[in-house]
Amino acid sequence: MENTSKYLLLRLEERNGEYEYIHRSVHALADGEAATVNRLVNNYTKNFYGGKADPEDNGFYFQGGEVFVRVSSWEFVSEEEFGVLKKYL
């Protein structure tokens, strides 16, 4: 089945020393194509902390390897869900 949604819920996992975090965000897409989603998810994750990102282990290391961020999951959401989620995330 083809996707018609142009809204995305993204979850990132962060490991920072002994601490672990889940970050959630919603994004409006230009279209629902897989290439668009992959590009947005990769760029968002790579630029999450700014500065130099070292790609490794299906994610990115920042700050000399002290912080690791990777995509936990993503899913398409409806326009209505996007409107609610963007208020709280």
PDB file of N, CA and C in Angstrom:
ATOM      1  N   MET A   1       0.844  -1.184   0.000  1.00  0.00           N
ATOM      2  CA  MET A   1       0.000   0.000   0.000  1.00  0.00           C
ATOM      3  C   MET A   1       0.891   1.250   0.000  1.00  0.00           C
ATOM      4  N   GLU A   2       0.562   2.205  -0.814  1.00  0.00           N
ATOM      5  CA  GLU A   2       1.340   3.425  -0.950  1.00  0.00           C
ATOM      6  C   GLU A   2       1.004   4.396   0.167  1.00  0.00           C
ATOM      7  N   ASN A   3       2.030   5.071   0.669  1.00  0.00           N
ATOM      8  CA  ASN A   3       1.841   6.054   1.726  1.00  0.00           C
ATOM      9  C   ASN A   3       1.358   7.377   1.132  1.00  0.00           C
ATOM     10  N   THR A   4       0.393   7.996   1.789  1.00  0.00           N
ATOM     11  CA  THR A   4      -0.091   9.300   1.350  1.00  0.00           C
ATOM     12  C   THR A   4       0.144  10.370   2.409  1.00  0.00           C
ATOM     13  N   SER A   5       0.707   9.988   3.549  1.00  0.00           N
ATOM     14  CA  SER A   5       0.952  10.940   4.637  1.00  0.00           C
ATOM     15  C   SER A   5       2.211  11.751   4.365  1.00  0.00           C
ATOM     16  N   LYS A   6       2.191  12.995   4.777  1.00  0.00           N
ATOM     17  CA  LYS A   6       3.355  13.860   4.646  1.00  0.00           C
ATOM     18  C   LYS A   6       3.843  14.308   6.024  1.00  0.00           C
ATOM     19  N   TYR A   7       3.546  13.502   7.036  1.00  0.00           N
ATOM     20  CA  TYR A   7       3.924  13.844   8.405  1.00  0.00           C
ATOM     21  C   TYR A   7       4.590  12.649   9.059  1.00  0.00           C
ATOM     22  N   LEU A   8       5.608  12.927   9.858  1.00  0.00           N
ATOM     23  CA  LEU A   8       6.442  11.875  10.403  1.00  0.00           C
ATOM     24  C   LEU A   8       6.665  12.079  11.901  1.00  0.00           C
ATOM     25  N   LEU A   9       6.572  11.006  12.667  1.00  0.00           N
ATOM     26  CA  LEU A   9       6.948  10.993  14.081  1.00  0.00           C
ATOM     27  C   LEU A   9       8.267  10.243  14.160  1.00  0.00           C
ATOM     28  N   LEU A  10       9.302  10.893  14.681  1.00  0.00           N
ATOM     29  CA  LEU A  10      10.648  10.335  14.748  1.00  0.00           C
ATOM     30  C   LEU A  10      11.056  10.161  16.205  1.00  0.00           C
ATOM     31  N   ARG A  11      11.664   9.003  16.515  1.00  0.00           N
ATOM     32  CA  ARG A  11      12.191   8.747  17.855  1.00  0.00           C
ATOM     33  C   ARG A  11      13.681   8.459  17.744  1.00  0.00           C
ATOM     34  N   LEU A  12      14.483   9.194  18.508  1.00  0.00           N
ATOM     35  CA  LEU A  12      15.924   8.978  18.549  1.00  0.00           C
ATOM     36  C   LEU A  12      16.317   8.471  19.926  1.00  0.00           C
ATOM     37  N   GLU A  13      17.316   7.601  19.970  1.00  0.00           N
ATOM     38  CA  GLU A  13      17.897   7.145  21.225  1.00  0.00           C
ATOM     39  C   GLU A  13      19.242   7.831  21.396  1.00  0.00           C
ATOM     40  N   GLU A  14      19.492   8.329  22.585  1.00  0.00           N
ATOM     41  CA  GLU A  14      20.763   8.964  22.896  1.00  0.00           C
ATOM     42  C   GLU A  14      21.408   8.238  24.073  1.00  0.00           C
ATOM     43  N   ARG A  15      22.688   7.931  23.936  1.00  0.00           N
ATOM     44  CA  ARG A  15      23.497   7.422  25.044  1.00  0.00           C
ATOM     45  C   ARG A  15      24.545   8.477  25.334  1.00  0.00           C
ATOM     46  N   ASN A  16      24.566   8.935  26.575  1.00  0.00           N
ATOM     47  CA  ASN A  16      25.469   9.996  26.987  1.00  0.00           C
ATOM     48  C   ASN A  16      26.077   9.561  28.313  1.00  0.00           C
ATOM     49  N   GLY A  17      27.235   8.915  28.244  1.00  0.00           N
ATOM     50  CA  GLY A  17      27.829   8.349  29.454  1.00  0.00           C
ATOM     51  C   GLY A  17      26.949   7.235  29.982  1.00  0.00           C
ATOM     52  N   GLU A  18      26.580   7.333  31.246  1.00  0.00           N
ATOM     53  CA  GLU A  18      25.728   6.324  31.871  1.00  0.00           C
ATOM     54  C   GLU A  18      24.240   6.594  31.638  1.00  0.00           C
ATOM     55  N   TYR A  19      23.916   7.681  30.961  1.00  0.00           N
ATOM     56  CA  TYR A  19      22.527   8.089  30.790  1.00  0.00           C
ATOM     57  C   TYR A  19      22.017   7.741  29.397  1.00  0.00           C
ATOM     58  N   GLU A  20      20.743   7.415  29.324  1.00  0.00           N
ATOM     59  CA  GLU A  20      20.090   7.142  28.047  1.00  0.00           C
ATOM     60  C   GLU A  20      18.805   7.956  27.962  1.00  0.00           C
ATOM     61  N   TYR A  21      18.532   8.477  26.796  1.00  0.00           N
ATOM     62  CA  TYR A  21      17.369   9.327  26.579  1.00  0.00           C
ATOM     63  C   TYR A  21      16.647   8.914  25.302  1.00  0.00           C
ATOM     64  N   ILE A  22      15.356   9.191  25.258  1.00  0.00           N
ATOM     65  CA  ILE A  22      14.565   9.065  24.037  1.00  0.00           C
ATOM     66  C   ILE A  22      14.108  10.474  23.663  1.00  0.00           C
ATOM     67  N   HIS A  23      14.348  10.866  22.441  1.00  0.00           N
ATOM     68  CA  HIS A  23      13.915  12.165  21.929  1.00  0.00           C
ATOM     69  C   HIS A  23      12.852  11.923  20.868  1.00  0.00           C
ATOM     70  N   ARG A  24      11.766  12.651  20.953  1.00  0.00           N
ATOM     71  CA  ARG A  24      10.677  12.528  19.977  1.00  0.00           C
ATOM     72  C   ARG A  24      10.496  13.862  19.262  1.00  0.00           C
ATOM     73  N   SER A  25      10.209  13.776  17.972  1.00  0.00           N
ATOM     74  CA  SER A  25       9.954  14.996  17.201  1.00  0.00           C
ATOM     75  C   SER A  25       9.012  14.653  16.053  1.00  0.00           C
ATOM     76  N   VAL A  26       8.312  15.657  15.568  1.00  0.00           N
ATOM     77  CA  VAL A  26       7.451  15.483  14.400  1.00  0.00           C
ATOM     78  C   VAL A  26       7.945  16.405  13.295  1.00  0.00           C
ATOM     79  N   HIS A  27       7.736  15.956  12.059  1.00  0.00           N
ATOM     80  CA  HIS A  27       8.247  16.688  10.911  1.00  0.00           C
ATOM     81  C   HIS A  27       7.229  16.657   9.784  1.00  0.00           C
ATOM     82  N   ALA A  28       7.119  17.781   9.088  1.00  0.00           N
ATOM     83  CA  ALA A  28       6.313  17.847   7.868  1.00  0.00           C
ATOM     84  C   ALA A  28       7.241  17.545   6.702  1.00  0.00           C
ATOM     85  N   LEU A  29       6.804  16.685   5.809  1.00  0.00           N
ATOM     86  CA  LEU A  29       7.599  16.265   4.661  1.00  0.00           C
ATOM     87  C   LEU A  29       7.090  16.918   3.381  1.00  0.00           C
ATOM     88  N   ALA A  30       7.980  17.036   2.415  1.00  0.00           N
ATOM     89  CA  ALA A  30       7.574  17.546   1.107  1.00  0.00           C
ATOM     90  C   ALA A  30       6.668  16.531   0.408  1.00  0.00           C
ATOM     91  N   ASP A  31       6.941  15.242   0.661  1.00  0.00           N
ATOM     92  CA  ASP A  31       6.135  14.155   0.100  1.00  0.00           C
ATOM     93  C   ASP A  31       6.347  12.925   0.972  1.00  0.00           C
ATOM     94  N   GLY A  32       5.637  11.882   0.701  1.00  0.00           N
ATOM     95  CA  GLY A  32       5.731  10.668   1.506  1.00  0.00           C
ATOM     96  C   GLY A  32       6.668   9.617   0.930  1.00  0.00           C
ATOM     97  N   GLU A  33       7.558  10.018   0.038  1.00  0.00           N
ATOM     98  CA  GLU A  33       8.479   9.077  -0.608  1.00  0.00           C
ATOM     99  C   GLU A  33       9.536   8.585   0.389  1.00  0.00           C
ATOM    100  N   ALA A  34       9.932   7.347   0.242  1.00  0.00           N
ATOM    101  CA  ALA A  34      10.930   6.740   1.133  1.00  0.00           C
ATOM    102  C   ALA A  34      12.251   7.504   1.096  1.00  0.00           C
ATOM    103  N   ALA A  35      12.669   7.965  -0.066  1.00  0.00           N
ATOM    104  CA  ALA A  35      13.929   8.711  -0.180  1.00  0.00           C
ATOM    105  C   ALA A  35      13.872  10.014   0.618  1.00  0.00           C
ATOM    106  N   THR A  36      12.734  10.681   0.609  1.00  0.00           N
ATOM    107  CA  THR A  36      12.560  11.922   1.368  1.00  0.00           C
ATOM    108  C   THR A  36      12.651  11.644   2.863  1.00  0.00           C
ATOM    109  N   VAL A  37      11.983  10.587   3.296  1.00  0.00           N
ATOM    110  CA  VAL A  37      12.008  10.211   4.718  1.00  0.00           C
ATOM    111  C   VAL A  37      13.430   9.869   5.134  1.00  0.00           C
ATOM    112  N   ASN A  38      14.102   9.035   4.366  1.00  0.00           N
ATOM    113  CA  ASN A  38      15.465   8.628   4.716  1.00  0.00           C
ATOM    114  C   ASN A  38      16.416   9.814   4.787  1.00  0.00           C
ATOM    115  N   ARG A  39      16.293  10.751   3.857  1.00  0.00           N
ATOM    116  CA  ARG A  39      17.143  11.934   3.844  1.00  0.00           C
ATOM    117  C   ARG A  39      16.884  12.793   5.079  1.00  0.00           C
ATOM    118  N   LEU A  40      15.616  13.040   5.398  1.00  0.00           N
ATOM    119  CA  LEU A  40      15.276  13.860   6.563  1.00  0.00           C
ATOM    120  C   LEU A  40      15.765  13.206   7.854  1.00  0.00           C
ATOM    121  N   VAL A  41      15.493  11.920   8.015  1.00  0.00           N
ATOM    122  CA  VAL A  41      15.875  11.207   9.235  1.00  0.00           C
ATOM    123  C   VAL A  41      17.394  11.208   9.405  1.00  0.00           C
ATOM    124  N   ASN A  42      18.115  10.927   8.338  1.00  0.00           N
ATOM    125  CA  ASN A  42      19.579  10.903   8.409  1.00  0.00           C
ATOM    126  C   ASN A  42      20.142  12.290   8.737  1.00  0.00           C
ATOM    127  N   ASN A  43      19.667  13.319   8.049  1.00  0.00           N
ATOM    128  CA  ASN A  43      20.170  14.677   8.292  1.00  0.00           C
ATOM    129  C   ASN A  43      19.833  15.165   9.698  1.00  0.00           C
ATOM    130  N   TYR A  44      18.630  14.883  10.148  1.00  0.00           N
ATOM    131  CA  TYR A  44      18.221  15.312  11.496  1.00  0.00           C
ATOM    132  C   TYR A  44      19.093  14.639  12.555  1.00  0.00           C
ATOM    133  N   THR A  45      19.334  13.343  12.393  1.00  0.00           N
ATOM    134  CA  THR A  45      20.150  12.611  13.358  1.00  0.00           C
ATOM    135  C   THR A  45      21.597  13.089  13.313  1.00  0.00           C
ATOM    136  N   LYS A  46      22.134  13.273  12.117  1.00  0.00           N
ATOM    137  CA  LYS A  46      23.532  13.696  11.946  1.00  0.00           C
ATOM    138  C   LYS A  46      23.774  15.098  12.519  1.00  0.00           C
ATOM    139  N   ASN A  47      22.768  15.942  12.489  1.00  0.00           N
ATOM    140  CA  ASN A  47      22.918  17.315  12.972  1.00  0.00           C
ATOM    141  C   ASN A  47      22.312  17.529  14.356  1.00  0.00           C
ATOM    142  N   PHE A  48      21.945  16.460  15.032  1.00  0.00           N
ATOM    143  CA  PHE A  48      21.240  16.566  16.304  1.00  0.00           C
ATOM    144  C   PHE A  48      22.023  17.377  17.336  1.00  0.00           C
ATOM    145  N   TYR A  49      23.318  17.152  17.442  1.00  0.00           N
ATOM    146  CA  TYR A  49      24.153  17.884  18.385  1.00  0.00           C
ATOM    147  C   TYR A  49      24.973  18.975  17.722  1.00  0.00           C
ATOM    148  N   GLY A  50      24.891  19.088  16.419  1.00  0.00           N
ATOM    149  CA  GLY A  50      25.716  20.060  15.729  1.00  0.00           C
ATOM    150  C   GLY A  50      27.176  19.619  15.774  1.00  0.00           C
ATOM    151  N   GLY A  51      28.037  20.366  15.151  1.00  0.00           N
ATOM    152  CA  GLY A  51      29.444  19.992  15.164  1.00  0.00           C
ATOM    153  C   GLY A  51      29.704  18.743  14.344  1.00  0.00           C
ATOM    154  N   LYS A  52      30.851  18.132  14.618  1.00  0.00           N
ATOM    155  CA  LYS A  52      31.278  16.957  13.860  1.00  0.00           C
ATOM    156  C   LYS A  52      30.552  15.710  14.339  1.00  0.00           C
ATOM    157  N   ALA A  53      29.970  14.982  13.393  1.00  0.00           N
ATOM    158  CA  ALA A  53      29.288  13.727  13.690  1.00  0.00           C
ATOM    159  C   ALA A  53      30.050  12.602  13.008  1.00  0.00           C
ATOM    160  N   ASP A  54      30.420  11.591  13.776  1.00  0.00           N
ATOM    161  CA  ASP A  54      31.122  10.437  13.232  1.00  0.00           C
ATOM    162  C   ASP A  54      30.137   9.289  13.040  1.00  0.00           C
ATOM    163  N   PRO A  55      29.853   8.909  11.789  1.00  0.00           N
ATOM    164  CA  PRO A  55      28.895   7.815  11.553  1.00  0.00           C
ATOM    165  C   PRO A  55      29.513   6.466  11.909  1.00  0.00           C
ATOM    166  N   GLU A  56      28.796   5.716  12.741  1.00  0.00           N
ATOM    167  CA  GLU A  56      29.255   4.393  13.137  1.00  0.00           C
ATOM    168  C   GLU A  56      28.135   3.702  13.899  1.00  0.00           C
ATOM    169  N   ASP A  57      28.118   2.379  13.876  1.00  0.00           N
ATOM    170  CA  ASP A  57      27.154   1.587  14.647  1.00  0.00           C
ATOM    171  C   ASP A  57      25.702   1.973  14.359  1.00  0.00           C
ATOM    172  N   ASN A  58      25.379   2.267  13.102  1.00  0.00           N
ATOM    173  CA  ASN A  58      24.015   2.663  12.698  1.00  0.00           C
ATOM    174  C   ASN A  58      23.536   3.926  13.402  1.00  0.00           C
ATOM    175  N   GLY A  59      24.437   4.830  13.663  1.00  0.00           N
ATOM    176  CA  GLY A  59      24.100   6.105  14.298  1.00  0.00           C
ATOM    177  C   GLY A  59      25.274   7.054  14.157  1.00  0.00           C
ATOM    178  N   PHE A  60      25.349   8.034  15.058  1.00  0.00           N
ATOM    179  CA  PHE A  60      26.406   9.035  15.000  1.00  0.00           C
ATOM    180  C   PHE A  60      26.973   9.288  16.387  1.00  0.00           C
ATOM    181  N   TYR A  61      28.296   9.372  16.447  1.00  0.00           N
ATOM    182  CA  TYR A  61      28.991   9.754  17.680  1.00  0.00           C
ATOM    183  C   TYR A  61      29.309  11.235  17.615  1.00  0.00           C
ATOM    184  N   PHE A  62      29.149  11.900  18.747  1.00  0.00           N
ATOM    185  CA  PHE A  62      29.439  13.327  18.873  1.00  0.00           C
ATOM    186  C   PHE A  62      30.399  13.536  20.033  1.00  0.00           C
ATOM    187  N   GLN A  63      30.996  14.706  20.061  1.00  0.00           N
ATOM    188  CA  GLN A  63      31.864  15.140  21.165  1.00  0.00           C
ATOM    189  C   GLN A  63      32.942  14.108  21.473  1.00  0.00           C
ATOM    190  N   GLY A  64      33.656  13.705  20.420  1.00  0.00           N
ATOM    191  CA  GLY A  64      34.754  12.772  20.586  1.00  0.00           C
ATOM    192  C   GLY A  64      34.329  11.388  21.035  1.00  0.00           C
ATOM    193  N   GLY A  65      33.119  10.988  20.713  1.00  0.00           N
ATOM    194  CA  GLY A  65      32.631   9.660  21.063  1.00  0.00           C
ATOM    195  C   GLY A  65      31.922   9.574  22.394  1.00  0.00           C
ATOM    196  N   GLU A  66      31.747  10.701  23.067  1.00  0.00           N
ATOM    197  CA  GLU A  66      31.090  10.688  24.382  1.00  0.00           C
ATOM    198  C   GLU A  66      29.576  10.551  24.282  1.00  0.00           C
ATOM    199  N   VAL A  67      29.009  10.976  23.162  1.00  0.00           N
ATOM    200  CA  VAL A  67      27.562  10.952  22.971  1.00  0.00           C
ATOM    201  C   VAL A  67      27.259  10.169  21.697  1.00  0.00           C
ATOM    202  N   PHE A  68      26.290   9.271  21.777  1.00  0.00           N
ATOM    203  CA  PHE A  68      25.873   8.481  20.620  1.00  0.00           C
ATOM    204  C   PHE A  68      24.380   8.682  20.395  1.00  0.00           C
ATOM    205  N   VAL A  69      23.984   8.942  19.150  1.00  0.00           N
ATOM    206  CA  VAL A  69      22.580   9.139  18.799  1.00  0.00           C
ATOM    207  C   VAL A  69      22.257   8.257  17.600  1.00  0.00           C
ATOM    208  N   ARG A  70      21.133   7.552  17.688  1.00  0.00           N
ATOM    209  CA  ARG A  70      20.685   6.731  16.561  1.00  0.00           C
ATOM    210  C   ARG A  70      19.172   6.785  16.473  1.00  0.00           C
ATOM    211  N   VAL A  71      18.652   6.429  15.311  1.00  0.00           N
ATOM    212  CA  VAL A  71      17.212   6.384  15.100  1.00  0.00           C
ATOM    213  C   VAL A  71      16.668   5.145  15.805  1.00  0.00           C
ATOM    214  N   SER A  72      15.705   5.363  16.672  1.00  0.00           N
ATOM    215  CA  SER A  72      15.019   4.260  17.344  1.00  0.00           C
ATOM    216  C   SER A  72      13.899   3.753  16.436  1.00  0.00           C
ATOM    217  N   SER A  73      13.074   4.682  15.949  1.00  0.00           N
ATOM    218  CA  SER A  73      11.990   4.325  15.043  1.00  0.00           C
ATOM    219  C   SER A  73      11.404   5.587  14.433  1.00  0.00           C
ATOM    220  N   TRP A  74      10.611   5.393  13.402  1.00  0.00           N
ATOM    221  CA  TRP A  74       9.829   6.487  12.821  1.00  0.00           C
ATOM    222  C   TRP A  74       8.562   5.889  12.249  1.00  0.00           C
ATOM    223  N   GLU A  75       7.551   6.739  12.160  1.00  0.00           N
ATOM    224  CA  GLU A  75       6.287   6.293  11.576  1.00  0.00           C
ATOM    225  C   GLU A  75       5.544   7.486  10.992  1.00  0.00           C
ATOM    226  N   PHE A  76       4.766   7.207   9.968  1.00  0.00           N
ATOM    227  CA  PHE A  76       3.920   8.236   9.390  1.00  0.00           C
ATOM    228  C   PHE A  76       2.743   8.483  10.322  1.00  0.00           C
ATOM    229  N   VAL A  77       2.342   9.738  10.437  1.00  0.00           N
ATOM    230  CA  VAL A  77       1.168  10.108  11.223  1.00  0.00           C
ATOM    231  C   VAL A  77       0.261  10.963  10.356  1.00  0.00           C
ATOM    232  N   SER A  78      -0.986  11.046  10.760  1.00  0.00           N
ATOM    233  CA  SER A  78      -1.949  11.850  10.000  1.00  0.00           C
ATOM    234  C   SER A  78      -1.728  13.335  10.268  1.00  0.00           C
ATOM    235  N   GLU A  79      -2.331  14.162   9.465  1.00  0.00           N
ATOM    236  CA  GLU A  79      -2.232  15.609   9.653  1.00  0.00           C
ATOM    237  C   GLU A  79      -2.818  16.015  11.001  1.00  0.00           C
ATOM    238  N   GLU A  80      -3.904  15.387  11.393  1.00  0.00           N
ATOM    239  CA  GLU A  80      -4.525  15.680  12.684  1.00  0.00           C
ATOM    240  C   GLU A  80      -3.596  15.294  13.833  1.00  0.00           C
ATOM    241  N   GLU A  81      -2.991  14.111  13.767  1.00  0.00           N
ATOM    242  CA  GLU A  81      -2.045  13.683  14.808  1.00  0.00           C
ATOM    243  C   GLU A  81      -0.839  14.616  14.849  1.00  0.00           C
ATOM    244  N   PHE A  82      -0.339  15.012  13.686  1.00  0.00           N
ATOM    245  CA  PHE A  82       0.774  15.948  13.604  1.00  0.00           C
ATOM    246  C   PHE A  82       0.440  17.249  14.326  1.00  0.00           C
ATOM    247  N   GLY A  83      -0.756  17.778  14.090  1.00  0.00           N
ATOM    248  CA  GLY A  83      -1.171  19.027  14.724  1.00  0.00           C
ATOM    249  C   GLY A  83      -1.181  18.943  16.242  1.00  0.00           C
ATOM    250  N   VAL A  84      -1.616  17.816  16.772  1.00  0.00           N
ATOM    251  CA  VAL A  84      -1.630  17.631  18.230  1.00  0.00           C
ATOM    252  C   VAL A  84      -0.216  17.434  18.750  1.00  0.00           C
ATOM    253  N   LEU A  85       0.542  16.540  18.122  1.00  0.00           N
ATOM    254  CA  LEU A  85       1.888  16.228  18.595  1.00  0.00           C
ATOM    255  C   LEU A  85       2.820  17.426  18.577  1.00  0.00           C
ATOM    256  N   LYS A  86       2.727  18.280  17.564  1.00  0.00           N
ATOM    257  CA  LYS A  86       3.655  19.412  17.492  1.00  0.00           C
ATOM    258  C   LYS A  86       3.432  20.418  18.620  1.00  0.00           C
ATOM    259  N   LYS A  87       2.269  20.365  19.256  1.00  0.00           N
ATOM    260  CA  LYS A  87       2.006  21.222  20.413  1.00  0.00           C
ATOM    261  C   LYS A  87       2.790  20.775  21.640  1.00  0.00           C
ATOM    262  N   TYR A  88       3.091  19.488  21.713  1.00  0.00           N
ATOM    263  CA  TYR A  88       3.650  18.925  22.936  1.00  0.00           C
ATOM    264  C   TYR A  88       5.083  18.393  22.801  1.00  0.00           C
ATOM    265  N   LEU A  89       5.573  18.275  21.596  1.00  0.00           N
ATOM    266  CA  LEU A  89       6.934  17.762  21.416  1.00  0.00           C
ATOM    267  C   LEU A  89       7.892  18.859  21.021  1.00  0.00           C
TER     268      LEU A  89
END
